[in-house]
Structure formats: C-alpha cells, structure tokens
Amino acid sequence: MLGKAYLTKQASLLLQFARTTSDSDLSAKLISKAADLKSQADPMPDRDQSPEAPDVSPDKLAGS
C-alpha cells in the first residue's frame, strides 16, 4: 500500500506539471489525477503507525 507522503508528493508533482504545460486538456487531466491522489491520501495517518522493530543486540547475534 502506498503511503500518504508518497501520494501527496505525486499529487504535488502533477500540479507542477499542470502549471507548466500550455495544453489545457492535459492540464485539466493532471489536475484531476492530482485531486484523486489527494483524496486517497487524506484519510491516511500522517506517519507510519506500524509497531517498531524489536531491538536486537549484536552480542547475541555473534554468539549464535
């Protein structure tokens, strides 16, 4: 699953491209796609909420 930061960055890039093109149809499509990505990103948490990995001691690994 794609994260909120990734989707937001992609939407931002699409908006930048939309501003630079002189083709109004392409610009409208890029803006529409950016809005779709933004709507996917909005309900997601701002950061990864998964549990952290357990600490592993290098001493225990060396003795194995």
PDB file of N, CA and C in Angstrom:
ATOM      1  N   MET A   1       0.840  -1.183   0.000  1.00  0.00           N
ATOM      2  CA  MET A   1       0.000   0.000   0.000  1.00  0.00           C
ATOM      3  C   MET A   1       0.882   1.244   0.000  1.00  0.00           C
ATOM      4  N   LEU A   2       0.525   2.206  -0.785  1.00  0.00           N
ATOM      5  CA  LEU A   2       1.280   3.441  -0.880  1.00  0.00           C
ATOM      6  C   LEU A   2       0.972   4.332   0.319  1.00  0.00           C
ATOM      7  N   GLY A   3       1.981   5.058   0.767  1.00  0.00           N
ATOM      8  CA  GLY A   3       1.830   5.916   1.928  1.00  0.00           C
ATOM      9  C   GLY A   3       1.338   7.307   1.591  1.00  0.00           C
ATOM     10  N   LYS A   4       0.953   8.011   2.630  1.00  0.00           N
ATOM     11  CA  LYS A   4       0.420   9.367   2.473  1.00  0.00           C
ATOM     12  C   LYS A   4       1.471  10.307   1.890  1.00  0.00           C
ATOM     13  N   ALA A   5       2.693  10.212   2.367  1.00  0.00           N
ATOM     14  CA  ALA A   5       3.751  11.104   1.869  1.00  0.00           C
ATOM     15  C   ALA A   5       3.985  10.888   0.379  1.00  0.00           C
ATOM     16  N   TYR A   6       3.990   9.640  -0.062  1.00  0.00           N
ATOM     17  CA  TYR A   6       4.205   9.330  -1.475  1.00  0.00           C
ATOM     18  C   TYR A   6       3.075   9.898  -2.330  1.00  0.00           C
ATOM     19  N   LEU A   7       1.834   9.658  -1.927  1.00  0.00           N
ATOM     20  CA  LEU A   7       0.688  10.134  -2.703  1.00  0.00           C
ATOM     21  C   LEU A   7       0.644  11.658  -2.758  1.00  0.00           C
ATOM     22  N   THR A   8       0.960  12.296  -1.643  1.00  0.00           N
ATOM     23  CA  THR A   8       0.963  13.753  -1.594  1.00  0.00           C
ATOM     24  C   THR A   8       2.053  14.326  -2.500  1.00  0.00           C
ATOM     25  N   LYS A   9       3.231  13.707  -2.494  1.00  0.00           N
ATOM     26  CA  LYS A   9       4.326  14.152  -3.352  1.00  0.00           C
ATOM     27  C   LYS A   9       3.961  13.997  -4.828  1.00  0.00           C
ATOM     28  N   GLN A  10       3.343  12.871  -5.181  1.00  0.00           N
ATOM     29  CA  GLN A  10       2.942  12.653  -6.566  1.00  0.00           C
ATOM     30  C   GLN A  10       1.894  13.672  -7.002  1.00  0.00           C
ATOM     31  N   ALA A  11       0.947  13.978  -6.122  1.00  0.00           N
ATOM     32  CA  ALA A  11      -0.073  14.984  -6.440  1.00  0.00           C
ATOM     33  C   ALA A  11       0.577  16.348  -6.661  1.00  0.00           C
ATOM     34  N   SER A  12       1.542  16.677  -5.824  1.00  0.00           N
ATOM     35  CA  SER A  12       2.248  17.944  -5.967  1.00  0.00           C
ATOM     36  C   SER A  12       2.991  18.030  -7.301  1.00  0.00           C
ATOM     37  N   LEU A  13       3.637  16.940  -7.691  1.00  0.00           N
ATOM     38  CA  LEU A  13       4.353  16.921  -8.967  1.00  0.00           C
ATOM     39  C   LEU A  13       3.394  17.069 -10.152  1.00  0.00           C
ATOM     40  N   LEU A  14       2.244  16.418 -10.071  1.00  0.00           N
ATOM     41  CA  LEU A  14       1.259  16.549 -11.143  1.00  0.00           C
ATOM     42  C   LEU A  14       0.772  17.987 -11.271  1.00  0.00           C
ATOM     43  N   LEU A  15       0.579  18.657 -10.143  1.00  0.00           N
ATOM     44  CA  LEU A  15       0.148  20.058 -10.187  1.00  0.00           C
ATOM     45  C   LEU A  15       1.231  20.949 -10.780  1.00  0.00           C
ATOM     46  N   GLN A  16       2.496  20.652 -10.475  1.00  0.00           N
ATOM     47  CA  GLN A  16       3.596  21.418 -11.068  1.00  0.00           C
ATOM     48  C   GLN A  16       3.614  21.249 -12.586  1.00  0.00           C
ATOM     49  N   PHE A  17       3.444  20.013 -13.044  1.00  0.00           N
ATOM     50  CA  PHE A  17       3.406  19.762 -14.490  1.00  0.00           C
ATOM     51  C   PHE A  17       2.212  20.466 -15.124  1.00  0.00           C
ATOM     52  N   ALA A  18       1.075  20.449 -14.430  1.00  0.00           N
ATOM     53  CA  ALA A  18      -0.133  21.086 -14.965  1.00  0.00           C
ATOM     54  C   ALA A  18       0.080  22.589 -15.166  1.00  0.00           C
ATOM     55  N   ARG A  19       0.834  23.216 -14.254  1.00  0.00           N
ATOM     56  CA  ARG A  19       1.097  24.654 -14.373  1.00  0.00           C
ATOM     57  C   ARG A  19       2.047  24.983 -15.520  1.00  0.00           C
ATOM     58  N   THR A  20       2.907  24.034 -15.893  1.00  0.00           N
ATOM     59  CA  THR A  20       3.924  24.338 -16.907  1.00  0.00           C
ATOM     60  C   THR A  20       3.482  24.042 -18.337  1.00  0.00           C
ATOM     61  N   THR A  21       2.437  23.251 -18.500  1.00  0.00           N
ATOM     62  CA  THR A  21       2.012  22.894 -19.858  1.00  0.00           C
ATOM     63  C   THR A  21       1.099  23.961 -20.455  1.00  0.00           C
ATOM     64  N   SER A  22       1.165  24.088 -21.765  1.00  0.00           N
ATOM     65  CA  SER A  22       0.271  25.027 -22.448  1.00  0.00           C
ATOM     66  C   SER A  22      -0.965  24.309 -22.999  1.00  0.00           C
ATOM     67  N   ASP A  23      -1.015  22.998 -22.863  1.00  0.00           N
ATOM     68  CA  ASP A  23      -2.149  22.199 -23.334  1.00  0.00           C
ATOM     69  C   ASP A  23      -3.206  22.160 -22.227  1.00  0.00           C
ATOM     70  N   SER A  24      -4.304  22.846 -22.445  1.00  0.00           N
ATOM     71  CA  SER A  24      -5.338  22.944 -21.401  1.00  0.00           C
ATOM     72  C   SER A  24      -5.999  21.604 -21.092  1.00  0.00           C
ATOM     73  N   ASP A  25      -6.145  20.739 -22.101  1.00  0.00           N
ATOM     74  CA  ASP A  25      -6.733  19.414 -21.843  1.00  0.00           C
ATOM     75  C   ASP A  25      -5.822  18.574 -20.944  1.00  0.00           C
ATOM     76  N   LEU A  26      -4.532  18.587 -21.251  1.00  0.00           N
ATOM     77  CA  LEU A  26      -3.566  17.856 -20.431  1.00  0.00           C
ATOM     78  C   LEU A  26      -3.531  18.425 -19.020  1.00  0.00           C
ATOM     79  N   SER A  27      -3.538  19.730 -18.914  1.00  0.00           N
ATOM     80  CA  SER A  27      -3.526  20.380 -17.609  1.00  0.00           C
ATOM     81  C   SER A  27      -4.735  19.950 -16.772  1.00  0.00           C
ATOM     82  N   ALA A  28      -5.907  19.920 -17.374  1.00  0.00           N
ATOM     83  CA  ALA A  28      -7.123  19.514 -16.665  1.00  0.00           C
ATOM     84  C   ALA A  28      -7.033  18.064 -16.199  1.00  0.00           C
ATOM     85  N   LYS A  29      -6.485  17.195 -17.041  1.00  0.00           N
ATOM     86  CA  LYS A  29      -6.339  15.781 -16.668  1.00  0.00           C
ATOM     87  C   LYS A  29      -5.343  15.609 -15.524  1.00  0.00           C
ATOM     88  N   LEU A  30      -4.247  16.359 -15.569  1.00  0.00           N
ATOM     89  CA  LEU A  30      -3.252  16.279 -14.499  1.00  0.00           C
ATOM     90  C   LEU A  30      -3.828  16.770 -13.171  1.00  0.00           C
ATOM     91  N   ILE A  31      -4.585  17.861 -13.222  1.00  0.00           N
ATOM     92  CA  ILE A  31      -5.215  18.392 -12.007  1.00  0.00           C
ATOM     93  C   ILE A  31      -6.223  17.400 -11.450  1.00  0.00           C
ATOM     94  N   SER A  32      -6.978  16.762 -12.331  1.00  0.00           N
ATOM     95  CA  SER A  32      -7.955  15.764 -11.900  1.00  0.00           C
ATOM     96  C   SER A  32      -7.267  14.574 -11.221  1.00  0.00           C
ATOM     97  N   LYS A  33      -6.178  14.108 -11.807  1.00  0.00           N
ATOM     98  CA  LYS A  33      -5.439  12.982 -11.227  1.00  0.00           C
ATOM     99  C   LYS A  33      -4.825  13.381  -9.891  1.00  0.00           C
ATOM    100  N   ALA A  34      -4.323  14.616  -9.784  1.00  0.00           N
ATOM    101  CA  ALA A  34      -3.773  15.100  -8.525  1.00  0.00           C
ATOM    102  C   ALA A  34      -4.854  15.125  -7.440  1.00  0.00           C
ATOM    103  N   ALA A  35      -6.051  15.525  -7.802  1.00  0.00           N
ATOM    104  CA  ALA A  35      -7.163  15.538  -6.847  1.00  0.00           C
ATOM    105  C   ALA A  35      -7.509  14.117  -6.400  1.00  0.00           C
ATOM    106  N   ASP A  36      -7.461  13.166  -7.324  1.00  0.00           N
ATOM    107  CA  ASP A  36      -7.713  11.761  -6.968  1.00  0.00           C
ATOM    108  C   ASP A  36      -6.675  11.256  -5.965  1.00  0.00           C
ATOM    109  N   LEU A  37      -5.414  11.563  -6.232  1.00  0.00           N
ATOM    110  CA  LEU A  37      -4.348  11.125  -5.322  1.00  0.00           C
ATOM    111  C   LEU A  37      -4.500  11.779  -3.953  1.00  0.00           C
ATOM    112  N   LYS A  38      -4.844  13.063  -3.941  1.00  0.00           N
ATOM    113  CA  LYS A  38      -5.032  13.777  -2.676  1.00  0.00           C
ATOM    114  C   LYS A  38      -6.183  13.178  -1.880  1.00  0.00           C
ATOM    115  N   SER A  39      -7.256  12.798  -2.557  1.00  0.00           N
ATOM    116  CA  SER A  39      -8.390  12.206  -1.840  1.00  0.00           C
ATOM    117  C   SER A  39      -8.041  10.826  -1.286  1.00  0.00           C
ATOM    118  N   GLN A  40      -7.126  10.119  -1.938  1.00  0.00           N
ATOM    119  CA  GLN A  40      -6.659   8.836  -1.406  1.00  0.00           C
ATOM    120  C   GLN A  40      -5.764   9.044  -0.186  1.00  0.00           C
ATOM    121  N   ALA A  41      -4.972  10.109  -0.207  1.00  0.00           N
ATOM    122  CA  ALA A  41      -4.019  10.362   0.868  1.00  0.00           C
ATOM    123  C   ALA A  41      -4.674  10.949   2.114  1.00  0.00           C
ATOM    124  N   ASP A  42      -5.722  11.730   1.960  1.00  0.00           N
ATOM    125  CA  ASP A  42      -6.329  12.434   3.096  1.00  0.00           C
ATOM    126  C   ASP A  42      -6.730  11.538   4.261  1.00  0.00           C
ATOM    127  N   PRO A  43      -7.382  10.399   4.033  1.00  0.00           N
ATOM    128  CA  PRO A  43      -7.795   9.601   5.199  1.00  0.00           C
ATOM    129  C   PRO A  43      -6.650   8.831   5.871  1.00  0.00           C
ATOM    130  N   MET A  44      -5.468   8.832   5.272  1.00  0.00           N
ATOM    131  CA  MET A  44      -4.343   8.080   5.826  1.00  0.00           C
ATOM    132  C   MET A  44      -3.710   8.831   6.992  1.00  0.00           C
ATOM    133  N   PRO A  45      -3.087   8.086   7.922  1.00  0.00           N
ATOM    134  CA  PRO A  45      -2.368   8.751   9.017  1.00  0.00           C
ATOM    135  C   PRO A  45      -1.159   9.514   8.472  1.00  0.00           C
ATOM    136  N   ASP A  46      -0.719  10.536   9.205  1.00  0.00           N
ATOM    137  CA  ASP A  46       0.400  11.356   8.757  1.00  0.00           C
ATOM    138  C   ASP A  46       1.727  10.615   8.744  1.00  0.00           C
ATOM    139  N   ARG A  47       1.852   9.593   9.574  1.00  0.00           N
ATOM    140  CA  ARG A  47       3.096   8.818   9.588  1.00  0.00           C
ATOM    141  C   ARG A  47       2.768   7.347   9.755  1.00  0.00           C
ATOM    142  N   ASP A  48       3.780   6.527   9.569  1.00  0.00           N
ATOM    143  CA  ASP A  48       3.619   5.084   9.692  1.00  0.00           C
ATOM    144  C   ASP A  48       3.228   4.734  11.118  1.00  0.00           C
ATOM    145  N   GLN A  49       2.140   4.019  11.288  1.00  0.00           N
ATOM    146  CA  GLN A  49       1.638   3.659  12.607  1.00  0.00           C
ATOM    147  C   GLN A  49       1.981   2.224  12.995  1.00  0.00           C
ATOM    148  N   SER A  50       2.785   1.556  12.173  1.00  0.00           N
ATOM    149  CA  SER A  50       3.114   0.161  12.456  1.00  0.00           C
ATOM    150  C   SER A  50       4.039   0.069  13.663  1.00  0.00           C
ATOM    151  N   PRO A  51       4.033  -1.071  14.350  1.00  0.00           N
ATOM    152  CA  PRO A  51       4.897  -1.216  15.518  1.00  0.00           C
ATOM    153  C   PRO A  51       6.369  -1.178  15.116  1.00  0.00           C
ATOM    154  N   GLU A  52       7.195  -0.703  16.036  1.00  0.00           N
ATOM    155  CA  GLU A  52       8.620  -0.630  15.769  1.00  0.00           C
ATOM    156  C   GLU A  52       9.240  -2.020  15.856  1.00  0.00           C
ATOM    157  N   ALA A  53      10.321  -2.202  15.129  1.00  0.00           N
ATOM    158  CA  ALA A  53      11.037  -3.474  15.168  1.00  0.00           C
ATOM    159  C   ALA A  53      11.676  -3.646  16.542  1.00  0.00           C
ATOM    160  N   PRO A  54      11.754  -4.891  17.028  1.00  0.00           N
ATOM    161  CA  PRO A  54      12.383  -5.109  18.336  1.00  0.00           C
ATOM    162  C   PRO A  54      13.880  -4.833  18.255  1.00  0.00           C
ATOM    163  N   ASP A  55      14.439  -4.408  19.371  1.00  0.00           N
ATOM    164  CA  ASP A  55      15.882  -4.183  19.425  1.00  0.00           C
ATOM    165  C   ASP A  55      16.597  -5.523  19.391  1.00  0.00           C
ATOM    166  N   VAL A  56      17.677  -5.578  18.638  1.00  0.00           N
ATOM    167  CA  VAL A  56      18.465  -6.800  18.542  1.00  0.00           C
ATOM    168  C   VAL A  56      19.872  -6.468  18.992  1.00  0.00           C
ATOM    169  N   SER A  57      20.361  -7.201  19.943  1.00  0.00           N
ATOM    170  CA  SER A  57      21.689  -6.964  20.453  1.00  0.00           C
ATOM    171  C   SER A  57      22.725  -7.641  19.576  1.00  0.00           C
ATOM    172  N   PRO A  58      23.754  -6.924  19.109  1.00  0.00           N
ATOM    173  CA  PRO A  58      24.789  -7.554  18.284  1.00  0.00           C
ATOM    174  C   PRO A  58      25.529  -8.670  19.028  1.00  0.00           C
ATOM    175  N   ASP A  59      25.625  -8.572  20.383  1.00  0.00           N
ATOM    176  CA  ASP A  59      26.300  -9.613  21.158  1.00  0.00           C
ATOM    177  C   ASP A  59      25.590 -10.953  21.034  1.00  0.00           C
ATOM    178  N   LYS A  60      24.285 -10.930  21.026  1.00  0.00           N
ATOM    179  CA  LYS A  60      23.516 -12.176  20.928  1.00  0.00           C
ATOM    180  C   LYS A  60      23.677 -12.797  19.543  1.00  0.00           C
ATOM    181  N   LEU A  61      23.781 -11.955  18.519  1.00  0.00           N
ATOM    182  CA  LEU A  61      23.949 -12.472  17.159  1.00  0.00           C
ATOM    183  C   LEU A  61      25.324 -13.105  16.976  1.00  0.00           C
ATOM    184  N   ALA A  62      26.359 -12.532  17.565  1.00  0.00           N
ATOM    185  CA  ALA A  62      27.721 -13.032  17.421  1.00  0.00           C
ATOM    186  C   ALA A  62      27.887 -14.390  18.091  1.00  0.00           C
ATOM    187  N   GLY A  63      27.150 -14.638  19.177  1.00  0.00           N
ATOM    188  CA  GLY A  63      27.275 -15.891  19.907  1.00  0.00           C
ATOM    189  C   GLY A  63      26.503 -17.035  19.307  1.00  0.00           C
ATOM    190  N   SER A  64      25.711 -16.789  18.289  1.00  0.00           N
ATOM    191  CA  SER A  64      24.870 -17.834  17.682  1.00  0.00           C
ATOM    192  C   SER A  64      25.657 -18.818  16.881  1.00  0.00           C
TER     193      SER A  64
END
